PDB file of N, CA and C in Angstrom:
ATOM      1  N   MET A   1       0.733  15.527  27.380  1.00  0.00           N
ATOM      2  CA  MET A   1      -0.533  15.154  26.803  1.00  0.00           C
ATOM      3  C   MET A   1      -1.620  15.061  27.864  1.00  0.00           C
ATOM      4  N   ASP A   2      -1.237  14.807  29.101  1.00  0.00           N
ATOM      5  CA  ASP A   2      -2.245  14.707  30.151  1.00  0.00           C
ATOM      6  C   ASP A   2      -2.992  16.015  30.334  1.00  0.00           C
ATOM      7  N   ALA A   3      -2.310  17.128  30.124  1.00  0.00           N
ATOM      8  CA  ALA A   3      -2.972  18.432  30.258  1.00  0.00           C
ATOM      9  C   ALA A   3      -4.072  18.581  29.211  1.00  0.00           C
ATOM     10  N   PHE A   4      -3.819  18.082  28.005  1.00  0.00           N
ATOM     11  CA  PHE A   4      -4.837  18.158  26.962  1.00  0.00           C
ATOM     12  C   PHE A   4      -6.018  17.251  27.284  1.00  0.00           C
ATOM     13  N   ARG A   5      -5.736  16.098  27.864  1.00  0.00           N
ATOM     14  CA  ARG A   5      -6.829  15.194  28.257  1.00  0.00           C
ATOM     15  C   ARG A   5      -7.685  15.832  29.340  1.00  0.00           C
ATOM     16  N   LEU A   6      -7.047  16.458  30.302  1.00  0.00           N
ATOM     17  CA  LEU A   6      -7.776  17.148  31.364  1.00  0.00           C
ATOM     18  C   LEU A   6      -8.597  18.285  30.776  1.00  0.00           C
ATOM     19  N   GLY A   7      -7.997  19.048  29.868  1.00  0.00           N
ATOM     20  CA  GLY A   7      -8.718  20.144  29.228  1.00  0.00           C
ATOM     21  C   GLY A   7      -9.911  19.655  28.435  1.00  0.00           C
ATOM     22  N   SER A   8      -9.731  18.556  27.721  1.00  0.00           N
ATOM     23  CA  SER A   8     -10.831  17.982  26.949  1.00  0.00           C
ATOM     24  C   SER A   8     -11.966  17.528  27.860  1.00  0.00           C
ATOM     25  N   PHE A   9     -11.617  16.906  28.969  1.00  0.00           N
ATOM     26  CA  PHE A   9     -12.631  16.483  29.941  1.00  0.00           C
ATOM     27  C   PHE A   9     -13.365  17.700  30.507  1.00  0.00           C
ATOM     28  N   ALA A  10     -12.614  18.733  30.859  1.00  0.00           N
ATOM     29  CA  ALA A  10     -13.218  19.943  31.427  1.00  0.00           C
ATOM     30  C   ALA A  10     -14.174  20.590  30.424  1.00  0.00           C
ATOM     31  N   LEU A  11     -13.785  20.618  29.156  1.00  0.00           N
ATOM     32  CA  LEU A  11     -14.683  21.167  28.132  1.00  0.00           C
ATOM     33  C   LEU A  11     -15.974  20.366  28.058  1.00  0.00           C
ATOM     34  N   GLY A  12     -15.856  19.055  28.207  1.00  0.00           N
ATOM     35  CA  GLY A  12     -17.033  18.190  28.209  1.00  0.00           C
ATOM     36  C   GLY A  12     -17.958  18.451  29.387  1.00  0.00           C
ATOM     37  N   GLN A  13     -17.405  19.061  30.442  1.00  0.00           N
ATOM     38  CA  GLN A  13     -18.195  19.403  31.629  1.00  0.00           C
ATOM     39  C   GLN A  13     -18.665  20.862  31.578  1.00  0.00           C
ATOM     40  N   ASP A  14     -18.534  21.479  30.405  1.00  0.00           N
ATOM     41  CA  ASP A  14     -18.913  22.881  30.172  1.00  0.00           C
ATOM     42  C   ASP A  14     -18.097  23.868  30.993  1.00  0.00           C
ATOM     43  N   ASP A  15     -16.865  23.506  31.323  1.00  0.00           N
ATOM     44  CA  ASP A  15     -15.953  24.426  32.001  1.00  0.00           C
ATOM     45  C   ASP A  15     -15.161  25.208  30.947  1.00  0.00           C
ATOM     46  N   ALA A  16     -14.662  26.367  31.340  1.00  0.00           N
ATOM     47  CA  ALA A  16     -13.787  27.151  30.458  1.00  0.00           C
ATOM     48  C   ALA A  16     -12.371  26.596  30.567  1.00  0.00           C
ATOM     49  N   VAL A  17     -11.677  26.516  29.457  1.00  0.00           N
ATOM     50  CA  VAL A  17     -10.325  25.963  29.447  1.00  0.00           C
ATOM     51  C   VAL A  17      -9.396  26.895  28.678  1.00  0.00           C
ATOM     52  N   HIS A  18      -8.244  27.188  29.263  1.00  0.00           N
ATOM     53  CA  HIS A  18      -7.192  27.964  28.601  1.00  0.00           C
ATOM     54  C   HIS A  18      -5.914  27.146  28.689  1.00  0.00           C
ATOM     55  N   VAL A  19      -5.206  27.016  27.579  1.00  0.00           N
ATOM     56  CA  VAL A  19      -3.976  26.245  27.541  1.00  0.00           C
ATOM     57  C   VAL A  19      -2.831  27.182  27.176  1.00  0.00           C
ATOM     58  N   PHE A  20      -1.806  27.201  28.009  1.00  0.00           N
ATOM     59  CA  PHE A  20      -0.613  27.995  27.756  1.00  0.00           C
ATOM     60  C   PHE A  20       0.547  27.029  27.530  1.00  0.00           C
ATOM     61  N   LEU A  21       1.131  27.082  26.367  1.00  0.00           N
ATOM     62  CA  LEU A  21       2.206  26.165  26.023  1.00  0.00           C
ATOM     63  C   LEU A  21       3.556  26.821  26.269  1.00  0.00           C
ATOM     64  N   LEU A  22       4.483  26.043  26.831  1.00  0.00           N
ATOM     65  CA  LEU A  22       5.830  26.515  27.118  1.00  0.00           C
ATOM     66  C   LEU A  22       6.846  25.545  26.520  1.00  0.00           C
ATOM     67  N   GLY A  23       8.030  26.027  26.235  1.00  0.00           N
ATOM     68  CA  GLY A  23       9.114  25.169  25.760  1.00  0.00           C
ATOM     69  C   GLY A  23       8.733  24.396  24.518  1.00  0.00           C
ATOM     70  N   LYS A  24       8.977  23.098  24.529  1.00  0.00           N
ATOM     71  CA  LYS A  24       8.676  22.255  23.369  1.00  0.00           C
ATOM     72  C   LYS A  24       7.175  22.138  23.115  1.00  0.00           C
ATOM     73  N   GLY A  25       6.363  22.430  24.108  1.00  0.00           N
ATOM     74  CA  GLY A  25       4.920  22.391  23.922  1.00  0.00           C
ATOM     75  C   GLY A  25       4.447  23.352  22.853  1.00  0.00           C
ATOM     76  N   VAL A  26       5.177  24.443  22.671  1.00  0.00           N
ATOM     77  CA  VAL A  26       4.834  25.426  21.648  1.00  0.00           C
ATOM     78  C   VAL A  26       4.929  24.795  20.265  1.00  0.00           C
ATOM     79  N   GLU A  27       5.803  23.820  20.109  1.00  0.00           N
ATOM     80  CA  GLU A  27       6.009  23.159  18.824  1.00  0.00           C
ATOM     81  C   GLU A  27       5.227  21.853  18.712  1.00  0.00           C
ATOM     82  N   CYS A  28       4.207  21.664  19.514  1.00  0.00           N
ATOM     83  CA  CYS A  28       3.515  20.374  19.580  1.00  0.00           C
ATOM     84  C   CYS A  28       2.960  19.921  18.240  1.00  0.00           C
ATOM     85  N   GLU A  29       2.568  20.847  17.381  1.00  0.00           N
ATOM     86  CA  GLU A  29       2.012  20.443  16.095  1.00  0.00           C
ATOM     87  C   GLU A  29       3.071  19.880  15.148  1.00  0.00           C
ATOM     88  N   SER A  30       4.347  20.102  15.459  1.00  0.00           N
ATOM     89  CA  SER A  30       5.406  19.586  14.580  1.00  0.00           C
ATOM     90  C   SER A  30       6.068  18.332  15.165  1.00  0.00           C
ATOM     91  N   LEU A  31       5.488  17.754  16.200  1.00  0.00           N
ATOM     92  CA  LEU A  31       6.086  16.601  16.868  1.00  0.00           C
ATOM     93  C   LEU A  31       5.518  15.260  16.404  1.00  0.00           C
ATOM     94  N   ASP A  32       4.725  15.240  15.340  1.00  0.00           N
ATOM     95  CA  ASP A  32       4.182  13.976  14.835  1.00  0.00           C
ATOM     96  C   ASP A  32       5.312  13.018  14.466  1.00  0.00           C
ATOM     97  N   THR A  33       5.122  11.757  14.791  1.00  0.00           N
ATOM     98  CA  THR A  33       6.064  10.721  14.390  1.00  0.00           C
ATOM     99  C   THR A  33       5.294   9.615  13.679  1.00  0.00           C
ATOM    100  N   GLU A  34       6.015   8.651  13.176  1.00  0.00           N
ATOM    101  CA  GLU A  34       5.393   7.519  12.497  1.00  0.00           C
ATOM    102  C   GLU A  34       4.491   6.729  13.452  1.00  0.00           C
ATOM    103  N   HIS A  35       4.862   6.701  14.733  1.00  0.00           N
ATOM    104  CA  HIS A  35       4.145   5.895  15.712  1.00  0.00           C
ATOM    105  C   HIS A  35       3.106   6.667  16.536  1.00  0.00           C
ATOM    106  N   PHE A  36       3.196   7.990  16.525  1.00  0.00           N
ATOM    107  CA  PHE A  36       2.290   8.771  17.363  1.00  0.00           C
ATOM    108  C   PHE A  36       1.927  10.068  16.668  1.00  0.00           C
ATOM    109  N   ALA A  37       0.665  10.238  16.355  1.00  0.00           N
ATOM    110  CA  ALA A  37       0.188  11.440  15.663  1.00  0.00           C
ATOM    111  C   ALA A  37      -0.252  12.456  16.727  1.00  0.00           C
ATOM    112  N   VAL A  38       0.646  13.319  17.090  1.00  0.00           N
ATOM    113  CA  VAL A  38       0.368  14.314  18.132  1.00  0.00           C
ATOM    114  C   VAL A  38      -0.802  15.204  17.741  1.00  0.00           C
ATOM    115  N   THR A  39      -0.793  15.721  16.518  1.00  0.00           N
ATOM    116  CA  THR A  39      -1.848  16.636  16.098  1.00  0.00           C
ATOM    117  C   THR A  39      -3.229  15.960  16.111  1.00  0.00           C
ATOM    118  N   LYS A  40      -3.273  14.685  15.806  1.00  0.00           N
ATOM    119  CA  LYS A  40      -4.544  13.972  15.849  1.00  0.00           C
ATOM    120  C   LYS A  40      -5.022  13.822  17.299  1.00  0.00           C
ATOM    121  N   ALA A  41      -4.072  13.598  18.219  1.00  0.00           N
ATOM    122  CA  ALA A  41      -4.414  13.461  19.621  1.00  0.00           C
ATOM    123  C   ALA A  41      -4.890  14.781  20.221  1.00  0.00           C
ATOM    124  N   LEU A  42      -4.387  15.886  19.697  1.00  0.00           N
ATOM    125  CA  LEU A  42      -4.797  17.187  20.208  1.00  0.00           C
ATOM    126  C   LEU A  42      -6.247  17.428  19.887  1.00  0.00           C
TER     127      LEU A  42
END
């Protein structure tokens, strides 16, 4: 999740951001739990 926070900050600074997901990161949208809404955090 830290990579997404960094990317969000960089976008706020008008920088270009590219995110490449590997492994379980590719499935990040399906990782929502009762205690943590991953998709909302993205």
